[in-house]
Amino acid sequence: KMKDAANATSEAVTDAAIVTKINASLMADDQLKATKIDVDVRDGHVTLSGTAPDSASQRRATTLATAVDGVRSVDNKLSVARNG
């Protein structure tokens, strides 16, 4: 049981670290830093939600998230903003 608890703790820390790294990557990107993107990670599986300014930025968010160590998959649920 202790080993299971330790594994669960290390996964939670890893997930938290992944969220931090993805958020940092998004904030460092000129196209995405002004957007509100929610990042959720569970066992290395990332879900992005919110609004991207355009489809290129939507794809870029997936690329940035995928590049982070520990990410197993990315589910991009970002919607593209409609101007006007």
PDB file of N, CA and C in Angstrom:
ATOM      1  N   LYS A   1       0.828  -1.205   0.000  1.00  0.00           N
ATOM      2  CA  LYS A   1       0.000   0.000   0.000  1.00  0.00           C
ATOM      3  C   LYS A   1       0.862   1.256   0.000  1.00  0.00           C
ATOM      4  N   MET A   2       1.967   1.203   0.719  1.00  0.00           N
ATOM      5  CA  MET A   2       2.851   2.374   0.742  1.00  0.00           C
ATOM      6  C   MET A   2       3.406   2.651  -0.655  1.00  0.00           C
ATOM      7  N   LYS A   3       3.747   1.577  -1.375  1.00  0.00           N
ATOM      8  CA  LYS A   3       4.288   1.747  -2.715  1.00  0.00           C
ATOM      9  C   LYS A   3       3.235   2.369  -3.642  1.00  0.00           C
ATOM     10  N   ASP A   4       1.997   1.908  -3.528  1.00  0.00           N
ATOM     11  CA  ASP A   4       0.919   2.474  -4.331  1.00  0.00           C
ATOM     12  C   ASP A   4       0.716   3.950  -4.015  1.00  0.00           C
ATOM     13  N   ALA A   5       0.768   4.282  -2.734  1.00  0.00           N
ATOM     14  CA  ALA A   5       0.609   5.680  -2.328  1.00  0.00           C
ATOM     15  C   ALA A   5       1.761   6.525  -2.859  1.00  0.00           C
ATOM     16  N   ALA A   6       2.962   5.995  -2.808  1.00  0.00           N
ATOM     17  CA  ALA A   6       4.127   6.720  -3.320  1.00  0.00           C
ATOM     18  C   ALA A   6       4.005   6.925  -4.824  1.00  0.00           C
ATOM     19  N   ASN A   7       3.556   5.902  -5.542  1.00  0.00           N
ATOM     20  CA  ASN A   7       3.380   6.032  -6.983  1.00  0.00           C
ATOM     21  C   ASN A   7       2.309   7.062  -7.314  1.00  0.00           C
ATOM     22  N   ALA A   8       1.222   7.053  -6.572  1.00  0.00           N
ATOM     23  CA  ALA A   8       0.157   8.023  -6.802  1.00  0.00           C
ATOM     24  C   ALA A   8       0.665   9.436  -6.527  1.00  0.00           C
ATOM     25  N   THR A   9       1.449   9.584  -5.490  1.00  0.00           N
ATOM     26  CA  THR A   9       2.006  10.895  -5.155  1.00  0.00           C
ATOM     27  C   THR A   9       2.956  11.368  -6.250  1.00  0.00           C
ATOM     28  N   SER A  10       3.829  10.483  -6.733  1.00  0.00           N
ATOM     29  CA  SER A  10       4.779  10.894  -7.758  1.00  0.00           C
ATOM     30  C   SER A  10       4.057  11.237  -9.056  1.00  0.00           C
ATOM     31  N   GLU A  11       2.963  10.531  -9.370  1.00  0.00           N
ATOM     32  CA  GLU A  11       2.191  10.872 -10.559  1.00  0.00           C
ATOM     33  C   GLU A  11       1.534  12.236 -10.402  1.00  0.00           C
ATOM     34  N   ALA A  12       1.009  12.515  -9.213  1.00  0.00           N
ATOM     35  CA  ALA A  12       0.377  13.806  -8.978  1.00  0.00           C
ATOM     36  C   ALA A  12       1.399  14.931  -9.103  1.00  0.00           C
ATOM     37  N   VAL A  13       2.580  14.723  -8.565  1.00  0.00           N
ATOM     38  CA  VAL A  13       3.631  15.731  -8.679  1.00  0.00           C
ATOM     39  C   VAL A  13       4.009  15.915 -10.138  1.00  0.00           C
ATOM     40  N   THR A  14       4.135  14.806 -10.849  1.00  0.00           N
ATOM     41  CA  THR A  14       4.470  14.876 -12.264  1.00  0.00           C
ATOM     42  C   THR A  14       3.393  15.624 -13.034  1.00  0.00           C
ATOM     43  N   ASP A  15       2.126  15.320 -12.763  1.00  0.00           N
ATOM     44  CA  ASP A  15       1.037  16.022 -13.433  1.00  0.00           C
ATOM     45  C   ASP A  15       1.081  17.515 -13.131  1.00  0.00           C
ATOM     46  N   ALA A  16       1.338  17.864 -11.880  1.00  0.00           N
ATOM     47  CA  ALA A  16       1.440  19.277 -11.506  1.00  0.00           C
ATOM     48  C   ALA A  16       2.607  19.938 -12.226  1.00  0.00           C
ATOM     49  N   ALA A  17       3.717  19.225 -12.335  1.00  0.00           N
ATOM     50  CA  ALA A  17       4.886  19.769 -13.037  1.00  0.00           C
ATOM     51  C   ALA A  17       4.576  19.950 -14.522  1.00  0.00           C
ATOM     52  N   ILE A  18       3.835  19.010 -15.097  1.00  0.00           N
ATOM     53  CA  ILE A  18       3.453  19.123 -16.509  1.00  0.00           C
ATOM     54  C   ILE A  18       2.577  20.357 -16.718  1.00  0.00           C
ATOM     55  N   VAL A  19       1.597  20.560 -15.841  1.00  0.00           N
ATOM     56  CA  VAL A  19       0.734  21.742 -15.943  1.00  0.00           C
ATOM     57  C   VAL A  19       1.576  23.016 -15.898  1.00  0.00           C
ATOM     58  N   THR A  20       2.504  23.077 -14.954  1.00  0.00           N
ATOM     59  CA  THR A  20       3.363  24.255 -14.811  1.00  0.00           C
ATOM     60  C   THR A  20       4.177  24.500 -16.077  1.00  0.00           C
ATOM     61  N   LYS A  21       4.765  23.435 -16.625  1.00  0.00           N
ATOM     62  CA  LYS A  21       5.596  23.578 -17.828  1.00  0.00           C
ATOM     63  C   LYS A  21       4.771  23.986 -19.043  1.00  0.00           C
ATOM     64  N   ILE A  22       3.584  23.397 -19.188  1.00  0.00           N
ATOM     65  CA  ILE A  22       2.732  23.766 -20.325  1.00  0.00           C
ATOM     66  C   ILE A  22       2.286  25.220 -20.204  1.00  0.00           C
ATOM     67  N   ASN A  23       1.862  25.615 -19.005  1.00  0.00           N
ATOM     68  CA  ASN A  23       1.452  27.011 -18.809  1.00  0.00           C
ATOM     69  C   ASN A  23       2.595  27.970 -19.120  1.00  0.00           C
ATOM     70  N   ALA A  24       3.821  27.612 -18.711  1.00  0.00           N
ATOM     71  CA  ALA A  24       4.986  28.452 -19.000  1.00  0.00           C
ATOM     72  C   ALA A  24       5.218  28.546 -20.504  1.00  0.00           C
ATOM     73  N   SER A  25       5.077  27.418 -21.207  1.00  0.00           N
ATOM     74  CA  SER A  25       5.253  27.422 -22.666  1.00  0.00           C
ATOM     75  C   SER A  25       4.207  28.291 -23.346  1.00  0.00           C
ATOM     76  N   LEU A  26       2.962  28.191 -22.885  1.00  0.00           N
ATOM     77  CA  LEU A  26       1.888  28.984 -23.477  1.00  0.00           C
ATOM     78  C   LEU A  26       2.116  30.474 -23.226  1.00  0.00           C
ATOM     79  N   MET A  27       2.558  30.809 -22.011  1.00  0.00           N
ATOM     80  CA  MET A  27       2.803  32.222 -21.674  1.00  0.00           C
ATOM     81  C   MET A  27       3.990  32.800 -22.442  1.00  0.00           C
ATOM     82  N   ALA A  28       4.931  31.958 -22.828  1.00  0.00           N
ATOM     83  CA  ALA A  28       6.112  32.414 -23.556  1.00  0.00           C
ATOM     84  C   ALA A  28       5.843  32.574 -25.049  1.00  0.00           C
ATOM     85  N   ASP A  29       4.705  32.076 -25.511  1.00  0.00           N
ATOM     86  CA  ASP A  29       4.381  32.128 -26.937  1.00  0.00           C
ATOM     87  C   ASP A  29       3.619  33.416 -27.262  1.00  0.00           C
ATOM     88  N   ASP A  30       4.132  34.175 -28.234  1.00  0.00           N
ATOM     89  CA  ASP A  30       3.539  35.472 -28.564  1.00  0.00           C
ATOM     90  C   ASP A  30       2.065  35.387 -28.951  1.00  0.00           C
ATOM     91  N   GLN A  31       1.685  34.319 -29.667  1.00  0.00           N
ATOM     92  CA  GLN A  31       0.295  34.185 -30.104  1.00  0.00           C
ATOM     93  C   GLN A  31      -0.628  33.708 -28.996  1.00  0.00           C
ATOM     94  N   LEU A  32      -0.089  32.978 -28.027  1.00  0.00           N
ATOM     95  CA  LEU A  32      -0.945  32.336 -27.031  1.00  0.00           C
ATOM     96  C   LEU A  32      -0.925  32.983 -25.655  1.00  0.00           C
ATOM     97  N   LYS A  33       0.029  33.881 -25.407  1.00  0.00           N
ATOM     98  CA  LYS A  33       0.170  34.422 -24.054  1.00  0.00           C
ATOM     99  C   LYS A  33      -1.029  35.251 -23.604  1.00  0.00           C
ATOM    100  N   ALA A  34      -1.763  35.800 -24.532  1.00  0.00           N
ATOM    101  CA  ALA A  34      -2.919  36.626 -24.165  1.00  0.00           C
ATOM    102  C   ALA A  34      -4.200  35.807 -24.058  1.00  0.00           C
ATOM    103  N   THR A  35      -4.108  34.515 -24.320  1.00  0.00           N
ATOM    104  CA  THR A  35      -5.308  33.685 -24.288  1.00  0.00           C
ATOM    105  C   THR A  35      -5.481  33.035 -22.923  1.00  0.00           C
ATOM    106  N   LYS A  36      -6.709  32.636 -22.639  1.00  0.00           N
ATOM    107  CA  LYS A  36      -7.009  31.923 -21.403  1.00  0.00           C
ATOM    108  C   LYS A  36      -7.209  30.467 -21.763  1.00  0.00           C
ATOM    109  N   ILE A  37      -6.157  29.678 -21.547  1.00  0.00           N
ATOM    110  CA  ILE A  37      -6.226  28.253 -21.846  1.00  0.00           C
ATOM    111  C   ILE A  37      -6.119  27.486 -20.537  1.00  0.00           C
ATOM    112  N   ASP A  38      -7.102  26.647 -20.281  1.00  0.00           N
ATOM    113  CA  ASP A  38      -7.077  25.795 -19.097  1.00  0.00           C
ATOM    114  C   ASP A  38      -6.354  24.506 -19.436  1.00  0.00           C
ATOM    115  N   VAL A  39      -5.419  24.136 -18.582  1.00  0.00           N
ATOM    116  CA  VAL A  39      -4.635  22.924 -18.778  1.00  0.00           C
ATOM    117  C   VAL A  39      -4.969  21.956 -17.655  1.00  0.00           C
ATOM    118  N   ASP A  40      -5.436  20.776 -18.017  1.00  0.00           N
ATOM    119  CA  ASP A  40      -5.726  19.735 -17.032  1.00  0.00           C
ATOM    120  C   ASP A  40      -4.902  18.510 -17.405  1.00  0.00           C
ATOM    121  N   VAL A  41      -4.231  17.921 -16.428  1.00  0.00           N
ATOM    122  CA  VAL A  41      -3.403  16.746 -16.688  1.00  0.00           C
ATOM    123  C   VAL A  41      -3.777  15.642 -15.711  1.00  0.00           C
ATOM    124  N   ARG A  42      -3.995  14.462 -16.241  1.00  0.00           N
ATOM    125  CA  ARG A  42      -4.281  13.294 -15.417  1.00  0.00           C
ATOM    126  C   ARG A  42      -3.461  12.135 -15.960  1.00  0.00           C
ATOM    127  N   ASP A  43      -2.506  11.692 -15.152  1.00  0.00           N
ATOM    128  CA  ASP A  43      -1.619  10.584 -15.538  1.00  0.00           C
ATOM    129  C   ASP A  43      -0.915  10.850 -16.864  1.00  0.00           C
ATOM    130  N   GLY A  44      -0.516  12.082 -17.079  1.00  0.00           N
ATOM    131  CA  GLY A  44       0.215  12.426 -18.288  1.00  0.00           C
ATOM    132  C   GLY A  44      -0.652  12.723 -19.496  1.00  0.00           C
ATOM    133  N   HIS A  45      -1.965  12.609 -19.342  1.00  0.00           N
ATOM    134  CA  HIS A  45      -2.893  12.902 -20.438  1.00  0.00           C
ATOM    135  C   HIS A  45      -3.420  14.322 -20.257  1.00  0.00           C
ATOM    136  N   VAL A  46      -3.132  15.163 -21.235  1.00  0.00           N
ATOM    137  CA  VAL A  46      -3.412  16.596 -21.148  1.00  0.00           C
ATOM    138  C   VAL A  46      -4.725  16.927 -21.856  1.00  0.00           C
ATOM    139  N   THR A  47      -5.528  17.775 -21.222  1.00  0.00           N
ATOM    140  CA  THR A  47      -6.712  18.333 -21.870  1.00  0.00           C
ATOM    141  C   THR A  47      -6.557  19.844 -21.866  1.00  0.00           C
ATOM    142  N   LEU A  48      -6.638  20.426 -23.051  1.00  0.00           N
ATOM    143  CA  LEU A  48      -6.589  21.880 -23.199  1.00  0.00           C
ATOM    144  C   LEU A  48      -8.008  22.358 -23.480  1.00  0.00           C
ATOM    145  N   SER A  49      -8.455  23.375 -22.749  1.00  0.00           N
ATOM    146  CA  SER A  49      -9.781  23.936 -23.009  1.00  0.00           C
ATOM    147  C   SER A  49      -9.709  25.443 -22.904  1.00  0.00           C
ATOM    148  N   GLY A  50     -10.662  26.084 -23.555  1.00  0.00           N
ATOM    149  CA  GLY A  50     -10.674  27.542 -23.605  1.00  0.00           C
ATOM    150  C   GLY A  50     -10.836  27.985 -25.043  1.00  0.00           C
ATOM    151  N   THR A  51     -10.315  29.170 -25.349  1.00  0.00           N
ATOM    152  CA  THR A  51     -10.465  29.737 -26.683  1.00  0.00           C
ATOM    153  C   THR A  51      -9.107  30.146 -27.244  1.00  0.00           C
ATOM    154  N   ALA A  52      -8.867  29.765 -28.481  1.00  0.00           N
ATOM    155  CA  ALA A  52      -7.661  30.181 -29.197  1.00  0.00           C
ATOM    156  C   ALA A  52      -8.059  31.270 -30.185  1.00  0.00           C
ATOM    157  N   PRO A  53      -7.158  32.219 -30.461  1.00  0.00           N
ATOM    158  CA  PRO A  53      -7.519  33.319 -31.370  1.00  0.00           C
ATOM    159  C   PRO A  53      -7.741  32.863 -32.812  1.00  0.00           C
ATOM    160  N   ASP A  54      -7.090  31.777 -33.219  1.00  0.00           N
ATOM    161  CA  ASP A  54      -7.255  31.266 -34.583  1.00  0.00           C
ATOM    162  C   ASP A  54      -6.829  29.796 -34.620  1.00  0.00           C
ATOM    163  N   SER A  55      -7.061  29.144 -35.756  1.00  0.00           N
ATOM    164  CA  SER A  55      -6.773  27.710 -35.833  1.00  0.00           C
ATOM    165  C   SER A  55      -5.278  27.413 -35.753  1.00  0.00           C
ATOM    166  N   ALA A  56      -4.441  28.316 -36.248  1.00  0.00           N
ATOM    167  CA  ALA A  56      -2.990  28.105 -36.152  1.00  0.00           C
ATOM    168  C   ALA A  56      -2.558  28.108 -34.684  1.00  0.00           C
ATOM    169  N   SER A  57      -3.121  29.003 -33.891  1.00  0.00           N
ATOM    170  CA  SER A  57      -2.809  29.063 -32.463  1.00  0.00           C
ATOM    171  C   SER A  57      -3.342  27.834 -31.747  1.00  0.00           C
ATOM    172  N   GLN A  58      -4.492  27.346 -32.178  1.00  0.00           N
ATOM    173  CA  GLN A  58      -5.062  26.132 -31.610  1.00  0.00           C
ATOM    174  C   GLN A  58      -4.095  24.959 -31.818  1.00  0.00           C
ATOM    175  N   ARG A  59      -3.571  24.830 -33.033  1.00  0.00           N
ATOM    176  CA  ARG A  59      -2.607  23.761 -33.331  1.00  0.00           C
ATOM    177  C   ARG A  59      -1.306  23.980 -32.559  1.00  0.00           C
ATOM    178  N   ARG A  60      -0.886  25.233 -32.439  1.00  0.00           N
ATOM    179  CA  ARG A  60       0.357  25.568 -31.735  1.00  0.00           C
ATOM    180  C   ARG A  60       0.272  25.148 -30.265  1.00  0.00           C
ATOM    181  N   ALA A  61      -0.885  25.330 -29.654  1.00  0.00           N
ATOM    182  CA  ALA A  61      -1.060  24.932 -28.256  1.00  0.00           C
ATOM    183  C   ALA A  61      -0.837  23.429 -28.100  1.00  0.00           C
ATOM    184  N   THR A  62      -1.335  22.648 -29.042  1.00  0.00           N
ATOM    185  CA  THR A  62      -1.121  21.195 -29.006  1.00  0.00           C
ATOM    186  C   THR A  62       0.359  20.877 -29.148  1.00  0.00           C
ATOM    187  N   THR A  63       1.020  21.543 -30.074  1.00  0.00           N
ATOM    188  CA  THR A  63       2.456  21.322 -30.303  1.00  0.00           C
ATOM    189  C   THR A  63       3.262  21.624 -29.050  1.00  0.00           C
ATOM    190  N   LEU A  64       2.968  22.747 -28.417  1.00  0.00           N
ATOM    191  CA  LEU A  64       3.699  23.130 -27.202  1.00  0.00           C
ATOM    192  C   LEU A  64       3.455  22.132 -26.072  1.00  0.00           C
ATOM    193  N   ALA A  65       2.208  21.710 -25.918  1.00  0.00           N
ATOM    194  CA  ALA A  65       1.880  20.765 -24.843  1.00  0.00           C
ATOM    195  C   ALA A  65       2.551  19.418 -25.091  1.00  0.00           C
ATOM    196  N   THR A  66       2.539  18.966 -26.333  1.00  0.00           N
ATOM    197  CA  THR A  66       3.126  17.673 -26.680  1.00  0.00           C
ATOM    198  C   THR A  66       4.632  17.652 -26.415  1.00  0.00           C
ATOM    199  N   ALA A  67       5.284  18.810 -26.519  1.00  0.00           N
ATOM    200  CA  ALA A  67       6.738  18.890 -26.364  1.00  0.00           C
ATOM    201  C   ALA A  67       7.203  18.755 -24.912  1.00  0.00           C
ATOM    202  N   VAL A  68       6.282  18.834 -23.952  1.00  0.00           N
ATOM    203  CA  VAL A  68       6.642  18.780 -22.541  1.00  0.00           C
ATOM    204  C   VAL A  68       6.899  17.334 -22.115  1.00  0.00           C
ATOM    205  N   ASP A  69       8.008  17.129 -21.401  1.00  0.00           N
ATOM    206  CA  ASP A  69       8.342  15.798 -20.896  1.00  0.00           C
ATOM    207  C   ASP A  69       7.231  15.260 -20.010  1.00  0.00           C
ATOM    208  N   GLY A  70       6.887  13.994 -20.199  1.00  0.00           N
ATOM    209  CA  GLY A  70       5.885  13.346 -19.376  1.00  0.00           C
ATOM    210  C   GLY A  70       4.499  13.335 -19.991  1.00  0.00           C
ATOM    211  N   VAL A  71       4.300  14.119 -21.055  1.00  0.00           N
ATOM    212  CA  VAL A  71       2.990  14.161 -21.703  1.00  0.00           C
ATOM    213  C   VAL A  71       2.812  12.909 -22.556  1.00  0.00           C
ATOM    214  N   ARG A  72       1.723  12.199 -22.309  1.00  0.00           N
ATOM    215  CA  ARG A  72       1.421  10.970 -23.062  1.00  0.00           C
ATOM    216  C   ARG A  72       0.497  11.252 -24.232  1.00  0.00           C
ATOM    217  N   SER A  73      -0.446  12.165 -24.036  1.00  0.00           N
ATOM    218  CA  SER A  73      -1.379  12.521 -25.104  1.00  0.00           C
ATOM    219  C   SER A  73      -1.937  13.911 -24.825  1.00  0.00           C
ATOM    220  N   VAL A  74      -2.455  14.540 -25.875  1.00  0.00           N
ATOM    221  CA  VAL A  74      -3.064  15.862 -25.741  1.00  0.00           C
ATOM    222  C   VAL A  74      -4.439  15.838 -26.399  1.00  0.00           C
ATOM    223  N   ASP A  75      -5.450  16.205 -25.642  1.00  0.00           N
ATOM    224  CA  ASP A  75      -6.806  16.340 -26.149  1.00  0.00           C
ATOM    225  C   ASP A  75      -7.098  17.835 -26.224  1.00  0.00           C
ATOM    226  N   ASN A  76      -7.038  18.377 -27.429  1.00  0.00           N
ATOM    227  CA  ASN A  76      -7.219  19.812 -27.614  1.00  0.00           C
ATOM    228  C   ASN A  76      -8.702  20.103 -27.817  1.00  0.00           C
ATOM    229  N   LYS A  77      -9.311  20.696 -26.780  1.00  0.00           N
ATOM    230  CA  LYS A  77     -10.725  21.064 -26.842  1.00  0.00           C
ATOM    231  C   LYS A  77     -10.895  22.575 -27.000  1.00  0.00           C
ATOM    232  N   LEU A  78      -9.841  23.237 -27.458  1.00  0.00           N
ATOM    233  CA  LEU A  78      -9.917  24.691 -27.645  1.00  0.00           C
ATOM    234  C   LEU A  78     -10.883  25.022 -28.774  1.00  0.00           C
ATOM    235  N   SER A  79     -11.681  26.032 -28.546  1.00  0.00           N
ATOM    236  CA  SER A  79     -12.518  26.539 -29.625  1.00  0.00           C
ATOM    237  C   SER A  79     -11.803  27.745 -30.221  1.00  0.00           C
ATOM    238  N   VAL A  80     -12.052  27.986 -31.488  1.00  0.00           N
ATOM    239  CA  VAL A  80     -11.430  29.113 -32.185  1.00  0.00           C
ATOM    240  C   VAL A  80     -12.350  30.315 -32.078  1.00  0.00           C
ATOM    241  N   ALA A  81     -11.779  31.436 -31.632  1.00  0.00           N
ATOM    242  CA  ALA A  81     -12.566  32.660 -31.449  1.00  0.00           C
ATOM    243  C   ALA A  81     -13.135  33.113 -32.782  1.00  0.00           C
ATOM    244  N   ARG A  82     -14.359  33.577 -32.745  1.00  0.00           N
ATOM    245  CA  ARG A  82     -14.984  34.114 -33.953  1.00  0.00           C
ATOM    246  C   ARG A  82     -15.054  35.624 -33.793  1.00  0.00           C
ATOM    247  N   ASN A  83     -14.369  36.316 -34.662  1.00  0.00           N
ATOM    248  CA  ASN A  83     -14.369  37.784 -34.600  1.00  0.00           C
ATOM    249  C   ASN A  83     -15.574  38.307 -35.355  1.00  0.00           C
ATOM    250  N   GLY A  84     -16.336  39.170 -34.671  1.00  0.00           N
ATOM    251  CA  GLY A  84     -17.510  39.756 -35.321  1.00  0.00           C
ATOM    252  C   GLY A  84     -18.609  38.822 -35.195  1.00  0.00           C
TER     253      GLY A  84
END
